[in-house]
Structures are given as structure tokens and as C-alpha cells.
């Protein structure tokens, strides 16, 4: 299994475990109230959207993964979204560890 596939599997698991927030508005709120431990942004998201979430995540010191397309994220999570936040520290740390190796 590739690291990308392992990370996408964890995204699906986090959704079933209710440790995931999907959508721009809710993710932005999660970053602001510091419940987001990791942000996933689609690589083919619009430039304005990508910049907004990169800047906000950097300000609040939240790691960002932006290597997946909208289609990959949507298929893994089971809902068509461009931005996701992971709220569980364990899921977030594992996903970051997988993607940095």
C-alpha cells in the first residue's frame, strides 16, 4: 500500500470515528477554535481557497497536507468536499508521519 493510499484510508476512518470536519466554513471555524489538528486541502482547490487555508493554518500552527485531488479526498471521505480538518491528534500525527516518509 502506498503512503498516499494509507493516508486516504485514515481519512475515511477518521470520518467514521467522527473525528473529521468537512467543508470550508466548518474547517475555518475548527482552525480558529484550535480543534483542528491537521488540515487537508485539495491540490486542485482554487488559488484563493488554498491561500486562505494555508495562511490560516500557518497562523494557528496547524499542519497542512495538500497532495490529494478533490476526487481522491471525496472518494476517501465519502462526501464531495475540498477541505477537511482532522480533530483527533492521533489520526493527525499518523497521517503527517505517513506523508513525510
PDB file of N, CA and C in Angstrom:
ATOM      1  N   UNK A   1       0.847  -1.186   0.000  1.00  0.00           N
ATOM      2  CA  UNK A   1       0.000   0.000   0.000  1.00  0.00           C
ATOM      3  C   UNK A   1       0.887   1.243   0.000  1.00  0.00           C
ATOM      4  N   UNK A   2       0.557   2.185  -0.850  1.00  0.00           N
ATOM      5  CA  UNK A   2       1.350   3.411  -0.944  1.00  0.00           C
ATOM      6  C   UNK A   2       1.050   4.327   0.244  1.00  0.00           C
ATOM      7  N   UNK A   3       1.964   5.247   0.563  1.00  0.00           N
ATOM      8  CA  UNK A   3       1.686   6.208   1.648  1.00  0.00           C
ATOM      9  C   UNK A   3       0.421   7.040   1.383  1.00  0.00           C
ATOM     10  N   UNK A   4       0.213   7.410   0.103  1.00  0.00           N
ATOM     11  CA  UNK A   4      -0.998   8.182  -0.218  1.00  0.00           C
ATOM     12  C   UNK A   4      -2.256   7.382   0.117  1.00  0.00           C
ATOM     13  N   UNK A   5      -2.258   6.103  -0.268  1.00  0.00           N
ATOM     14  CA  UNK A   5      -3.431   5.260  -0.027  1.00  0.00           C
ATOM     15  C   UNK A   5      -3.648   5.060   1.476  1.00  0.00           C
ATOM     16  N   UNK A   6      -2.563   4.871   2.221  1.00  0.00           N
ATOM     17  CA  UNK A   6      -2.673   4.701   3.674  1.00  0.00           C
ATOM     18  C   UNK A   6      -3.263   5.951   4.320  1.00  0.00           C
ATOM     19  N   UNK A   7      -2.829   7.111   3.863  1.00  0.00           N
ATOM     20  CA  UNK A   7      -3.341   8.371   4.415  1.00  0.00           C
ATOM     21  C   UNK A   7      -4.818   8.550   4.070  1.00  0.00           C
ATOM     22  N   UNK A   8      -5.197   8.220   2.840  1.00  0.00           N
ATOM     23  CA  UNK A   8      -6.611   8.319   2.444  1.00  0.00           C
ATOM     24  C   UNK A   8      -7.473   7.345   3.235  1.00  0.00           C
ATOM     25  N   UNK A   9      -6.941   6.152   3.532  1.00  0.00           N
ATOM     26  CA  UNK A   9      -7.672   5.194   4.367  1.00  0.00           C
ATOM     27  C   UNK A   9      -7.916   5.779   5.755  1.00  0.00           C
ATOM     28  N   UNK A  10      -6.913   6.449   6.303  1.00  0.00           N
ATOM     29  CA  UNK A  10      -7.080   7.083   7.617  1.00  0.00           C
ATOM     30  C   UNK A  10      -8.102   8.212   7.561  1.00  0.00           C
ATOM     31  N   UNK A  11      -8.161   8.919   6.430  1.00  0.00           N
ATOM     32  CA  UNK A  11      -9.170   9.970   6.278  1.00  0.00           C
ATOM     33  C   UNK A  11     -10.571   9.358   6.367  1.00  0.00           C
ATOM     34  N   UNK A  12     -10.766   8.222   5.689  1.00  0.00           N
ATOM     35  CA  UNK A  12     -12.056   7.539   5.763  1.00  0.00           C
ATOM     36  C   UNK A  12     -12.371   7.063   7.169  1.00  0.00           C
ATOM     37  N   UNK A  13     -11.359   6.497   7.836  1.00  0.00           N
ATOM     38  CA  UNK A  13     -11.549   6.039   9.224  1.00  0.00           C
ATOM     39  C   UNK A  13     -11.900   7.188  10.155  1.00  0.00           C
ATOM     40  N   UNK A  14     -11.225   8.322   9.972  1.00  0.00           N
ATOM     41  CA  UNK A  14     -11.490   9.470  10.851  1.00  0.00           C
ATOM     42  C   UNK A  14     -12.921   9.961  10.688  1.00  0.00           C
ATOM     43  N   UNK A  15     -13.445   9.854   9.486  1.00  0.00           N
ATOM     44  CA  UNK A  15     -14.834  10.249   9.258  1.00  0.00           C
ATOM     45  C   UNK A  15     -15.800   9.324   9.981  1.00  0.00           C
ATOM     46  N   UNK A  16     -15.529   8.023   9.903  1.00  0.00           N
ATOM     47  CA  UNK A  16     -16.410   7.065  10.583  1.00  0.00           C
ATOM     48  C   UNK A  16     -16.278   7.181  12.098  1.00  0.00           C
ATOM     49  N   UNK A  17     -15.121   7.651  12.568  1.00  0.00           N
ATOM     50  CA  UNK A  17     -14.908   7.814  14.007  1.00  0.00           C
ATOM     51  C   UNK A  17     -15.383   9.187  14.498  1.00  0.00           C
ATOM     52  N   UNK A  18     -15.981   9.963  13.604  1.00  0.00           N
ATOM     53  CA  UNK A  18     -16.479  11.314  13.938  1.00  0.00           C
ATOM     54  C   UNK A  18     -15.353  12.229  14.432  1.00  0.00           C
ATOM     55  N   UNK A  19     -14.173  12.073  13.838  1.00  0.00           N
ATOM     56  CA  UNK A  19     -13.025  12.907  14.201  1.00  0.00           C
ATOM     57  C   UNK A  19     -12.613  13.786  13.021  1.00  0.00           C
ATOM     58  N   UNK A  20     -13.571  14.108  12.181  1.00  0.00           N
ATOM     59  CA  UNK A  20     -13.298  14.832  10.948  1.00  0.00           C
ATOM     60  C   UNK A  20     -14.327  15.930  10.757  1.00  0.00           C
ATOM     61  N   UNK A  21     -13.882  17.047  10.213  1.00  0.00           N
ATOM     62  CA  UNK A  21     -14.781  18.146   9.859  1.00  0.00           C
ATOM     63  C   UNK A  21     -14.608  18.380   8.367  1.00  0.00           C
ATOM     64  N   UNK A  22     -15.711  18.469   7.640  1.00  0.00           N
ATOM     65  CA  UNK A  22     -15.650  18.632   6.189  1.00  0.00           C
ATOM     66  C   UNK A  22     -16.287  19.950   5.775  1.00  0.00           C
ATOM     67  N   UNK A  23     -15.709  20.601   4.797  1.00  0.00           N
ATOM     68  CA  UNK A  23     -16.260  21.839   4.268  1.00  0.00           C
ATOM     69  C   UNK A  23     -15.468  23.045   4.726  1.00  0.00           C
ATOM     70  N   UNK A  24     -15.550  24.097   3.917  1.00  0.00           N
ATOM     71  CA  UNK A  24     -14.730  25.271   4.166  1.00  0.00           C
ATOM     72  C   UNK A  24     -15.090  26.024   5.443  1.00  0.00           C
ATOM     73  N   UNK A  25     -16.368  26.335   5.618  1.00  0.00           N
ATOM     74  CA  UNK A  25     -16.787  27.126   6.775  1.00  0.00           C
ATOM     75  C   UNK A  25     -16.488  26.442   8.098  1.00  0.00           C
ATOM     76  N   UNK A  26     -16.836  25.166   8.193  1.00  0.00           N
ATOM     77  CA  UNK A  26     -16.619  24.419   9.436  1.00  0.00           C
ATOM     78  C   UNK A  26     -15.132  24.217   9.712  1.00  0.00           C
ATOM     79  N   UNK A  27     -14.356  23.977   8.643  1.00  0.00           N
ATOM     80  CA  UNK A  27     -12.915  23.798   8.817  1.00  0.00           C
ATOM     81  C   UNK A  27     -12.266  25.092   9.285  1.00  0.00           C
ATOM     82  N   UNK A  28     -12.678  26.207   8.708  1.00  0.00           N
ATOM     83  CA  UNK A  28     -12.141  27.504   9.128  1.00  0.00           C
ATOM     84  C   UNK A  28     -12.437  27.744  10.607  1.00  0.00           C
ATOM     85  N   UNK A  29     -13.654  27.435  11.037  1.00  0.00           N
ATOM     86  CA  UNK A  29     -14.024  27.593  12.445  1.00  0.00           C
ATOM     87  C   UNK A  29     -13.191  26.670  13.332  1.00  0.00           C
ATOM     88  N   UNK A  30     -12.936  25.443  12.870  1.00  0.00           N
ATOM     89  CA  UNK A  30     -12.146  24.483  13.650  1.00  0.00           C
ATOM     90  C   UNK A  30     -10.696  24.951  13.793  1.00  0.00           C
ATOM     91  N   UNK A  31     -10.156  25.567  12.750  1.00  0.00           N
ATOM     92  CA  UNK A  31      -8.790  26.098  12.845  1.00  0.00           C
ATOM     93  C   UNK A  31      -8.765  27.239  13.859  1.00  0.00           C
ATOM     94  N   UNK A  32      -9.747  28.120  13.771  1.00  0.00           N
ATOM     95  CA  UNK A  32      -9.792  29.281  14.674  1.00  0.00           C
ATOM     96  C   UNK A  32      -9.954  28.875  16.133  1.00  0.00           C
ATOM     97  N   UNK A  33     -10.822  27.880  16.415  1.00  0.00           N
ATOM     98  CA  UNK A  33     -11.011  27.489  17.808  1.00  0.00           C
ATOM     99  C   UNK A  33     -10.018  26.402  18.234  1.00  0.00           C
ATOM    100  N   UNK A  34      -9.054  26.128  17.359  1.00  0.00           N
ATOM    101  CA  UNK A  34      -7.926  25.238  17.626  1.00  0.00           C
ATOM    102  C   UNK A  34      -8.326  23.797  17.915  1.00  0.00           C
ATOM    103  N   UNK A  35      -9.463  23.360  17.364  1.00  0.00           N
ATOM    104  CA  UNK A  35      -9.820  21.948  17.481  1.00  0.00           C
ATOM    105  C   UNK A  35      -9.268  21.160  16.298  1.00  0.00           C
ATOM    106  N   UNK A  36      -8.845  21.856  15.238  1.00  0.00           N
ATOM    107  CA  UNK A  36      -8.253  21.184  14.074  1.00  0.00           C
ATOM    108  C   UNK A  36      -6.796  20.853  14.371  1.00  0.00           C
ATOM    109  N   UNK A  37      -6.436  19.571  14.222  1.00  0.00           N
ATOM    110  CA  UNK A  37      -5.053  19.137  14.440  1.00  0.00           C
ATOM    111  C   UNK A  37      -4.313  18.974  13.117  1.00  0.00           C
ATOM    112  N   UNK A  38      -5.066  18.868  12.016  1.00  0.00           N
ATOM    113  CA  UNK A  38      -4.498  18.715  10.679  1.00  0.00           C
ATOM    114  C   UNK A  38      -5.525  19.205   9.670  1.00  0.00           C
ATOM    115  N   UNK A  39      -5.060  19.880   8.627  1.00  0.00           N
ATOM    116  CA  UNK A  39      -5.949  20.345   7.564  1.00  0.00           C
ATOM    117  C   UNK A  39      -5.523  19.688   6.258  1.00  0.00           C
ATOM    118  N   UNK A  40      -6.504  19.158   5.528  1.00  0.00           N
ATOM    119  CA  UNK A  40      -6.259  18.594   4.203  1.00  0.00           C
ATOM    120  C   UNK A  40      -6.937  19.490   3.180  1.00  0.00           C
ATOM    121  N   UNK A  41      -6.153  19.989   2.236  1.00  0.00           N
ATOM    122  CA  UNK A  41      -6.670  20.859   1.186  1.00  0.00           C
ATOM    123  C   UNK A  41      -6.439  20.157  -0.146  1.00  0.00           C
ATOM    124  N   UNK A  42      -7.445  20.146  -1.003  1.00  0.00           N
ATOM    125  CA  UNK A  42      -7.293  19.525  -2.319  1.00  0.00           C
ATOM    126  C   UNK A  42      -6.247  20.278  -3.129  1.00  0.00           C
ATOM    127  N   UNK A  43      -5.404  19.526  -3.836  1.00  0.00           N
ATOM    128  CA  UNK A  43      -4.350  20.148  -4.639  1.00  0.00           C
ATOM    129  C   UNK A  43      -4.934  20.950  -5.801  1.00  0.00           C
ATOM    130  N   UNK A  44      -6.154  20.591  -6.212  1.00  0.00           N
ATOM    131  CA  UNK A  44      -6.798  21.325  -7.299  1.00  0.00           C
ATOM    132  C   UNK A  44      -7.871  22.298  -6.795  1.00  0.00           C
ATOM    133  N   UNK A  45      -7.733  22.714  -5.547  1.00  0.00           N
ATOM    134  CA  UNK A  45      -8.630  23.738  -4.999  1.00  0.00           C
ATOM    135  C   UNK A  45      -8.285  25.076  -5.662  1.00  0.00           C
ATOM    136  N   UNK A  46      -9.229  25.978  -5.651  1.00  0.00           N
ATOM    137  CA  UNK A  46      -8.982  27.296  -6.229  1.00  0.00           C
ATOM    138  C   UNK A  46      -7.853  28.008  -5.497  1.00  0.00           C
ATOM    139  N   UNK A  47      -7.137  28.884  -6.188  1.00  0.00           N
ATOM    140  CA  UNK A  47      -5.999  29.563  -5.563  1.00  0.00           C
ATOM    141  C   UNK A  47      -6.388  30.404  -4.345  1.00  0.00           C
ATOM    142  N   UNK A  48      -7.547  31.026  -4.383  1.00  0.00           N
ATOM    143  CA  UNK A  48      -7.998  31.836  -3.250  1.00  0.00           C
ATOM    144  C   UNK A  48      -8.276  30.959  -2.038  1.00  0.00           C
ATOM    145  N   UNK A  49      -8.960  29.846  -2.268  1.00  0.00           N
ATOM    146  CA  UNK A  49      -9.273  28.902  -1.194  1.00  0.00           C
ATOM    147  C   UNK A  49      -7.987  28.332  -0.598  1.00  0.00           C
ATOM    148  N   UNK A  50      -7.089  27.894  -1.460  1.00  0.00           N
ATOM    149  CA  UNK A  50      -5.829  27.304  -0.995  1.00  0.00           C
ATOM    150  C   UNK A  50      -5.044  28.304  -0.159  1.00  0.00           C
ATOM    151  N   UNK A  51      -4.933  29.537  -0.632  1.00  0.00           N
ATOM    152  CA  UNK A  51      -4.176  30.555   0.103  1.00  0.00           C
ATOM    153  C   UNK A  51      -4.821  30.852   1.459  1.00  0.00           C
ATOM    154  N   UNK A  52      -6.138  30.970   1.472  1.00  0.00           N
ATOM    155  CA  UNK A  52      -6.850  31.270   2.719  1.00  0.00           C
ATOM    156  C   UNK A  52      -6.561  30.209   3.771  1.00  0.00           C
ATOM    157  N   UNK A  53      -6.669  28.933   3.394  1.00  0.00           N
ATOM    158  CA  UNK A  53      -6.467  27.863   4.367  1.00  0.00           C
ATOM    159  C   UNK A  53      -5.002  27.669   4.733  1.00  0.00           C
ATOM    160  N   UNK A  54      -4.102  27.848   3.775  1.00  0.00           N
ATOM    161  CA  UNK A  54      -2.671  27.764   4.093  1.00  0.00           C
ATOM    162  C   UNK A  54      -2.283  28.856   5.094  1.00  0.00           C
ATOM    163  N   UNK A  55      -2.736  30.081   4.828  1.00  0.00           N
ATOM    164  CA  UNK A  55      -2.398  31.205   5.708  1.00  0.00           C
ATOM    165  C   UNK A  55      -2.991  31.022   7.099  1.00  0.00           C
ATOM    166  N   UNK A  56      -4.258  30.622   7.158  1.00  0.00           N
ATOM    167  CA  UNK A  56      -4.930  30.454   8.449  1.00  0.00           C
ATOM    168  C   UNK A  56      -4.285  29.323   9.247  1.00  0.00           C
ATOM    169  N   UNK A  57      -3.990  28.217   8.580  1.00  0.00           N
ATOM    170  CA  UNK A  57      -3.363  27.077   9.254  1.00  0.00           C
ATOM    171  C   UNK A  57      -1.964  27.438   9.747  1.00  0.00           C
ATOM    172  N   UNK A  58      -1.220  28.189   8.946  1.00  0.00           N
ATOM    173  CA  UNK A  58       0.128  28.589   9.348  1.00  0.00           C
ATOM    174  C   UNK A  58       0.065  29.513  10.563  1.00  0.00           C
ATOM    175  N   UNK A  59      -0.896  30.437  10.573  1.00  0.00           N
ATOM    176  CA  UNK A  59      -1.040  31.366  11.693  1.00  0.00           C
ATOM    177  C   UNK A  59      -1.337  30.623  12.994  1.00  0.00           C
ATOM    178  N   UNK A  60      -2.205  29.603  12.916  1.00  0.00           N
ATOM    179  CA  UNK A  60      -2.573  28.840  14.108  1.00  0.00           C
ATOM    180  C   UNK A  60      -1.706  27.607  14.315  1.00  0.00           C
ATOM    181  N   UNK A  61      -0.641  27.471  13.521  1.00  0.00           N
ATOM    182  CA  UNK A  61       0.329  26.380  13.661  1.00  0.00           C
ATOM    183  C   UNK A  61      -0.323  25.001  13.523  1.00  0.00           C
ATOM    184  N   UNK A  62      -1.132  24.857  12.477  1.00  0.00           N
ATOM    185  CA  UNK A  62      -1.789  23.582  12.174  1.00  0.00           C
ATOM    186  C   UNK A  62      -1.128  23.019  10.912  1.00  0.00           C
ATOM    187  N   UNK A  63      -0.669  21.760  10.940  1.00  0.00           N
ATOM    188  CA  UNK A  63      -0.052  21.190   9.730  1.00  0.00           C
ATOM    189  C   UNK A  63      -1.061  21.042   8.594  1.00  0.00           C
ATOM    190  N   UNK A  64      -0.548  21.124   7.364  1.00  0.00           N
ATOM    191  CA  UNK A  64      -1.395  21.042   6.169  1.00  0.00           C
ATOM    192  C   UNK A  64      -0.859  19.966   5.233  1.00  0.00           C
ATOM    193  N   UNK A  65      -1.764  19.171   4.685  1.00  0.00           N
ATOM    194  CA  UNK A  65      -1.415  18.224   3.621  1.00  0.00           C
ATOM    195  C   UNK A  65      -2.221  18.644   2.399  1.00  0.00           C
ATOM    196  N   UNK A  66      -1.534  18.898   1.293  1.00  0.00           N
ATOM    197  CA  UNK A  66      -2.243  19.345   0.086  1.00  0.00           C
ATOM    198  C   UNK A  66      -1.808  18.568  -1.159  1.00  0.00           C
ATOM    199  N   UNK A  67      -1.589  17.276  -0.986  1.00  0.00           N
ATOM    200  CA  UNK A  67      -1.125  16.460  -2.112  1.00  0.00           C
ATOM    201  C   UNK A  67      -2.237  15.679  -2.796  1.00  0.00           C
ATOM    202  N   UNK A  68      -3.436  15.697  -2.248  1.00  0.00           N
ATOM    203  CA  UNK A  68      -4.542  14.913  -2.818  1.00  0.00           C
ATOM    204  C   UNK A  68      -5.460  15.792  -3.650  1.00  0.00           C
ATOM    205  N   UNK A  69      -6.051  15.214  -4.689  1.00  0.00           N
ATOM    206  CA  UNK A  69      -7.019  15.952  -5.504  1.00  0.00           C
ATOM    207  C   UNK A  69      -8.388  15.929  -4.812  1.00  0.00           C
ATOM    208  N   UNK A  70      -9.286  16.761  -5.315  1.00  0.00           N
ATOM    209  CA  UNK A  70     -10.658  16.766  -4.791  1.00  0.00           C
ATOM    210  C   UNK A  70     -11.280  15.382  -4.920  1.00  0.00           C
ATOM    211  N   UNK A  71     -11.049  14.744  -6.060  1.00  0.00           N
ATOM    212  CA  UNK A  71     -11.639  13.414  -6.314  1.00  0.00           C
ATOM    213  C   UNK A  71     -11.122  12.394  -5.304  1.00  0.00           C
ATOM    214  N   UNK A  72      -9.820  12.412  -5.024  1.00  0.00           N
ATOM    215  CA  UNK A  72      -9.242  11.462  -4.065  1.00  0.00           C
ATOM    216  C   UNK A  72      -9.794  11.696  -2.660  1.00  0.00           C
ATOM    217  N   UNK A  73      -9.838  12.964  -2.238  1.00  0.00           N
ATOM    218  CA  UNK A  73     -10.359  13.287  -0.900  1.00  0.00           C
ATOM    219  C   UNK A  73     -11.839  12.911  -0.797  1.00  0.00           C
ATOM    220  N   UNK A  74     -12.614  13.253  -1.806  1.00  0.00           N
ATOM    221  CA  UNK A  74     -14.053  12.978  -1.786  1.00  0.00           C
ATOM    222  C   UNK A  74     -14.330  11.477  -1.752  1.00  0.00           C
ATOM    223  N   UNK A  75     -13.578  10.707  -2.537  1.00  0.00           N
ATOM    224  CA  UNK A  75     -13.774   9.258  -2.566  1.00  0.00           C
ATOM    225  C   UNK A  75     -13.429   8.635  -1.216  1.00  0.00           C
ATOM    226  N   UNK A  76     -12.354   9.100  -0.602  1.00  0.00           N
ATOM    227  CA  UNK A  76     -11.927   8.542   0.681  1.00  0.00           C
ATOM    228  C   UNK A  76     -12.892   8.903   1.805  1.00  0.00           C
ATOM    229  N   UNK A  77     -13.386  10.132   1.783  1.00  0.00           N
ATOM    230  CA  UNK A  77     -14.258  10.598   2.869  1.00  0.00           C
ATOM    231  C   UNK A  77     -15.718  10.260   2.623  1.00  0.00           C
ATOM    232  N   UNK A  78     -16.075   9.999   1.383  1.00  0.00           N
ATOM    233  CA  UNK A  78     -17.463   9.672   1.077  1.00  0.00           C
ATOM    234  C   UNK A  78     -18.361  10.884   0.942  1.00  0.00           C
ATOM    235  N   UNK A  79     -17.770  12.058   0.820  1.00  0.00           N
ATOM    236  CA  UNK A  79     -18.552  13.275   0.602  1.00  0.00           C
ATOM    237  C   UNK A  79     -17.737  14.252  -0.246  1.00  0.00           C
ATOM    238  N   UNK A  80     -18.378  14.942  -1.162  1.00  0.00           N
ATOM    239  CA  UNK A  80     -17.633  15.831  -2.069  1.00  0.00           C
ATOM    240  C   UNK A  80     -17.238  17.150  -1.393  1.00  0.00           C
ATOM    241  N   UNK A  81     -16.032  17.214  -0.927  1.00  0.00           N
ATOM    242  CA  UNK A  81     -15.519  18.429  -0.272  1.00  0.00           C
ATOM    243  C   UNK A  81     -14.103  18.721  -0.764  1.00  0.00           C
ATOM    244  N   UNK A  82     -13.681  19.963  -0.579  1.00  0.00           N
ATOM    245  CA  UNK A  82     -12.342  20.392  -0.990  1.00  0.00           C
ATOM    246  C   UNK A  82     -11.407  20.481   0.207  1.00  0.00           C
ATOM    247  N   UNK A  83     -11.978  20.751   1.382  1.00  0.00           N
ATOM    248  CA  UNK A  83     -11.170  20.975   2.586  1.00  0.00           C
ATOM    249  C   UNK A  83     -11.700  20.113   3.731  1.00  0.00           C
ATOM    250  N   UNK A  84     -10.771  19.493   4.459  1.00  0.00           N
ATOM    251  CA  UNK A  84     -11.117  18.687   5.628  1.00  0.00           C
ATOM    252  C   UNK A  84     -10.219  19.065   6.785  1.00  0.00           C
ATOM    253  N   UNK A  85     -10.739  18.930   7.992  1.00  0.00           N
ATOM    254  CA  UNK A  85      -9.936  19.085   9.201  1.00  0.00           C
ATOM    255  C   UNK A  85     -10.052  17.799  10.002  1.00  0.00           C
ATOM    256  N   UNK A  86      -8.931  17.352  10.535  1.00  0.00           N
ATOM    257  CA  UNK A  86      -8.915  16.182  11.417  1.00  0.00           C
ATOM    258  C   UNK A  86      -8.825  16.725  12.839  1.00  0.00           C
ATOM    259  N   UNK A  87      -9.752  16.291  13.701  1.00  0.00           N
ATOM    260  CA  UNK A  87      -9.801  16.851  15.055  1.00  0.00           C
ATOM    261  C   UNK A  87      -9.149  15.965  16.104  1.00  0.00           C
ATOM    262  N   UNK A  88      -8.746  14.757  15.731  1.00  0.00           N
ATOM    263  CA  UNK A  88      -8.111  13.844  16.678  1.00  0.00           C
ATOM    264  C   UNK A  88      -6.593  13.889  16.491  1.00  0.00           C
ATOM    265  N   UNK A  89      -5.873  14.105  17.561  1.00  0.00           N
ATOM    266  CA  UNK A  89      -4.423  14.230  17.496  1.00  0.00           C
ATOM    267  C   UNK A  89      -3.764  12.953  16.979  1.00  0.00           C
ATOM    268  N   UNK A  90      -4.253  11.795  17.371  1.00  0.00           N
ATOM    269  CA  UNK A  90      -3.685  10.521  16.935  1.00  0.00           C
ATOM    270  C   UNK A  90      -3.786  10.334  15.426  1.00  0.00           C
ATOM    271  N   UNK A  91      -4.981  10.580  14.865  1.00  0.00           N
ATOM    272  CA  UNK A  91      -5.160  10.483  13.416  1.00  0.00           C
ATOM    273  C   UNK A  91      -4.244  11.483  12.710  1.00  0.00           C
ATOM    274  N   UNK A  92      -4.217  12.714  13.211  1.00  0.00           N
ATOM    275  CA  UNK A  92      -3.428  13.770  12.574  1.00  0.00           C
ATOM    276  C   UNK A  92      -1.943  13.425  12.561  1.00  0.00           C
ATOM    277  N   UNK A  93      -1.420  12.986  13.711  1.00  0.00           N
ATOM    278  CA  UNK A  93       0.011  12.666  13.793  1.00  0.00           C
ATOM    279  C   UNK A  93       0.365  11.498  12.886  1.00  0.00           C
ATOM    280  N   UNK A  94      -0.490  10.482  12.811  1.00  0.00           N
ATOM    281  CA  UNK A  94      -0.228   9.324  11.960  1.00  0.00           C
ATOM    282  C   UNK A  94      -0.236   9.720  10.482  1.00  0.00           C
ATOM    283  N   UNK A  95      -1.205  10.553  10.092  1.00  0.00           N
ATOM    284  CA  UNK A  95      -1.285  10.982   8.695  1.00  0.00           C
ATOM    285  C   UNK A  95      -0.066  11.814   8.300  1.00  0.00           C
ATOM    286  N   UNK A  96       0.364  12.700   9.174  1.00  0.00           N
ATOM    287  CA  UNK A  96       1.554  13.518   8.895  1.00  0.00           C
ATOM    288  C   UNK A  96       2.793  12.609   8.812  1.00  0.00           C
ATOM    289  N   UNK A  97       2.900  11.647   9.726  1.00  0.00           N
ATOM    290  CA  UNK A  97       4.044  10.731   9.712  1.00  0.00           C
ATOM    291  C   UNK A  97       4.084   9.919   8.418  1.00  0.00           C
ATOM    292  N   UNK A  98       2.939   9.442   7.972  1.00  0.00           N
ATOM    293  CA  UNK A  98       2.871   8.670   6.727  1.00  0.00           C
ATOM    294  C   UNK A  98       3.306   9.522   5.535  1.00  0.00           C
ATOM    295  N   UNK A  99       2.822  10.750   5.476  1.00  0.00           N
ATOM    296  CA  UNK A  99       3.068  11.584   4.301  1.00  0.00           C
ATOM    297  C   UNK A  99       4.472  12.204   4.284  1.00  0.00           C
ATOM    298  N   UNK A 100       5.159  12.236   5.414  1.00  0.00           N
ATOM    299  CA  UNK A 100       6.509  12.814   5.429  1.00  0.00           C
ATOM    300  C   UNK A 100       7.584  11.774   5.214  1.00  0.00           C
ATOM    301  N   UNK A 101       7.217  10.499   5.146  1.00  0.00           N
ATOM    302  CA  UNK A 101       8.222   9.458   4.912  1.00  0.00           C
ATOM    303  C   UNK A 101       8.290   9.071   3.462  1.00  0.00           C
TER     304      UNK A 101
END
